[in-house]
Amino acid sequence: MVSATYHYRGMPWQAHMSAAKAGVDALSRVLAVEEGPRGVRSNVIAPGPISGTEGMDRLGAKISDKDKKALGLMTASDIPLQRTGHIGDIANATIFLFSDAASWITGQTLAVDGGSLHTDSYLLPYPAGILDPSSIQRMIRPKL
C-alpha cells in the first residue's frame, strides 16, 4: 500500500489527504494482525517529496527555491539527505518489503523521504539551525 507523511505532522489544507492516508496506515496494521497467521504480510510505503511526480508538480515543483523559502515551503536543502527523492527510491523500498529480507516485517509504515519527516521544527530552520553554532544560544537565551 502507498501512504504519505503529511498526516504525521498536520499539513495545512491537506485534511482530506491526511485522513485518507492515516486510514491506509491503519488498514495495513489491521491486515497484518488478521492475515499474519496465514503468512500474509502487510506494509505501507510513505513517500516524501519525489521529483517528477504529479504530487510534486501540484505542490510547487515549478516554484523556484528562492520563492519556496520566502513562502516557507520545503526545498531539497531542507531534507537531511539534501535532495528530493526519485521514483527509483520508492521502487527499491517496495522491492525490499516484498523480499525475503523483510520476512519478519509486517504492519509497518516505511517513510521513504530522505529524513524530511524528522526536520519539521518550529524552533530552528533546518539545516541552518543545526549548522549555526549560535543557534543553541539563541534558543536558551532568546532576545526579548
Protein backbone atom coordinates (compact mmCIF):
# COMPACT_ATOMS: atom_id res chain seq x y z
CA MET A 1 0.00 0.00 0.00
CA VAL A 2 1.05 3.60 -0.50
CA SER A 3 0.53 6.33 2.06
CA ALA A 4 2.25 9.69 2.67
CA THR A 5 3.93 11.54 5.52
CA TYR A 6 1.74 14.67 5.76
CA HIS A 7 -0.63 13.21 8.32
CA TYR A 8 2.16 12.71 10.86
CA ARG A 9 2.61 16.46 11.27
CA GLY A 10 -0.66 18.11 10.34
CA MET A 11 -0.24 19.77 6.95
CA PRO A 12 -2.41 22.83 6.29
CA TRP A 13 -5.02 22.38 3.53
CA GLN A 14 -4.39 18.64 3.35
CA ALA A 15 -7.06 17.34 5.76
CA HIS A 16 -8.69 15.21 3.06
CA MET A 17 -5.44 13.53 2.07
CA SER A 18 -4.22 13.22 5.66
CA ALA A 19 -7.40 11.43 6.73
CA ALA A 20 -7.25 9.06 3.76
CA LYS A 21 -3.58 8.19 4.25
CA ALA A 22 -3.98 7.70 8.00
CA GLY A 23 -6.72 5.24 7.08
CA VAL A 24 -4.36 3.37 4.75
CA ASP A 25 -1.80 3.07 7.57
CA ALA A 26 -4.45 1.77 9.98
CA LEU A 27 -5.85 -0.67 7.42
CA SER A 28 -2.39 -2.14 6.88
CA ARG A 29 -1.85 -2.64 10.61
CA VAL A 30 -5.21 -4.41 10.95
CA LEU A 31 -4.47 -6.60 7.92
CA ALA A 32 -1.09 -7.50 9.41
CA VAL A 33 -2.85 -8.82 12.53
CA GLU A 34 -5.72 -10.53 10.70
CA GLU A 35 -3.73 -12.08 7.87
CA GLY A 36 -0.39 -12.69 9.59
CA PRO A 37 -1.43 -16.17 10.77
CA ARG A 38 -1.97 -17.04 7.09
CA GLY A 39 1.56 -15.91 6.20
CA VAL A 40 0.44 -12.64 4.64
CA ARG A 41 2.45 -9.51 5.42
CA SER A 42 1.02 -6.01 5.07
CA ASN A 43 3.22 -2.93 4.95
CA VAL A 44 2.97 0.61 3.66
CA ILE A 45 5.40 2.85 1.79
CA ALA A 46 5.06 6.55 2.73
CA PRO A 47 6.91 8.59 0.12
CA GLY A 48 8.24 12.04 0.87
CA PRO A 49 8.86 14.63 -1.85
CA ILE A 50 9.50 12.67 -5.07
CA SER A 51 10.65 14.65 -8.11
CA GLY A 52 8.80 14.23 -11.37
CA THR A 53 5.51 13.15 -9.80
CA GLU A 54 2.06 14.70 -10.04
CA GLY A 55 2.10 15.45 -6.33
CA MET A 56 5.33 17.43 -6.56
CA ASP A 57 4.01 19.32 -9.58
CA ARG A 58 0.82 20.26 -7.75
CA LEU A 59 2.64 21.16 -4.54
CA GLY A 60 5.10 23.58 -6.05
CA ALA A 61 7.82 21.87 -8.10
CA LYS A 62 7.63 24.74 -10.59
CA ILE A 63 8.30 27.38 -7.91
CA SER A 64 11.94 28.47 -7.56
CA ASP A 65 13.81 27.51 -4.39
CA LYS A 66 14.15 31.21 -3.54
CA ASP A 67 10.38 31.69 -3.74
CA LYS A 68 9.77 28.46 -1.80
CA LYS A 69 11.99 29.75 1.02
CA ALA A 70 10.10 33.06 1.03
CA LEU A 71 6.79 31.17 1.28
CA GLY A 72 8.11 28.80 3.96
CA LEU A 73 7.91 25.76 1.67
CA MET A 74 10.35 22.84 1.77
CA THR A 75 13.29 22.75 -0.64
CA ALA A 76 15.81 19.98 -1.27
CA SER A 77 18.24 21.72 1.10
CA ASP A 78 15.70 21.27 3.92
CA ILE A 79 15.90 17.47 3.58
CA PRO A 80 18.67 15.76 5.60
CA LEU A 81 19.89 13.84 2.53
CA GLN A 82 19.88 17.16 0.61
CA ARG A 83 17.75 16.05 -2.35
CA THR A 84 14.23 15.17 -3.29
CA GLY A 85 13.53 11.52 -3.87
CA HIS A 86 13.33 9.69 -7.16
CA ILE A 87 10.78 7.15 -8.28
CA GLY A 88 13.57 4.54 -8.06
CA ASP A 89 13.89 5.20 -4.31
CA ILE A 90 10.27 4.16 -3.85
CA ALA A 91 10.73 1.15 -6.14
CA ASN A 92 13.77 -0.02 -4.14
CA ALA A 93 11.90 0.27 -0.83
CA THR A 94 8.98 -1.67 -2.31
CA ILE A 95 11.27 -4.41 -3.61
CA PHE A 96 12.84 -4.67 -0.16
CA LEU A 97 9.48 -5.02 1.60
CA PHE A 98 8.44 -7.77 -0.83
CA SER A 99 11.76 -9.59 -0.45
CA ASP A 100 12.76 -12.36 1.95
CA ALA A 101 14.99 -9.79 3.68
CA ALA A 102 11.76 -8.26 5.07
CA SER A 103 10.13 -11.57 6.00
CA TRP A 104 9.85 -10.52 9.66
CA ILE A 105 8.35 -7.10 8.91
CA THR A 106 4.59 -6.58 8.90
CA GLY A 107 2.19 -3.86 9.95
CA GLN A 108 4.78 -1.15 9.38
CA THR A 109 4.75 2.13 7.50
CA LEU A 110 8.14 2.87 5.94
CA ALA A 111 8.76 6.57 5.36
CA VAL A 112 10.93 6.90 2.26
CA ASP A 113 11.60 10.61 2.47
CA GLY A 114 15.30 11.30 2.93
CA GLY A 115 14.64 12.06 6.60
CA SER A 116 12.38 15.04 5.89
CA LEU A 117 9.71 13.78 8.29
CA HIS A 118 12.08 14.47 11.17
CA THR A 119 13.04 18.04 10.29
CA ASP A 120 9.80 19.89 10.96
CA SER A 121 10.92 22.23 13.69
CA TYR A 122 9.20 25.33 14.94
CA LEU A 123 12.34 26.26 16.87
CA LEU A 124 15.09 26.16 14.27
CA PRO A 125 15.21 26.31 10.49
CA TYR A 126 16.76 23.19 9.01
CA PRO A 127 19.67 22.73 8.33
CA ALA A 128 20.87 26.27 9.07
CA GLY A 129 19.81 25.99 12.70
CA ILE A 130 21.90 22.86 13.14
CA LEU A 131 24.94 24.20 11.30
CA ASP A 132 25.00 27.58 13.08
CA PRO A 133 26.78 27.17 16.44
CA SER A 134 24.98 30.21 17.88
CA SER A 135 21.52 28.66 17.33
CA ILE A 136 21.50 26.81 20.63
CA GLN A 137 22.41 30.01 22.46
CA ARG A 138 19.51 31.83 20.82
CA MET A 139 17.18 29.04 21.93
CA ILE A 140 18.46 29.16 25.51
CA ARG A 141 18.54 32.96 25.73
CA PRO A 142 16.03 34.35 23.25
CA LYS A 143 16.02 38.09 22.62
CA LEU A 144 13.05 39.78 24.25
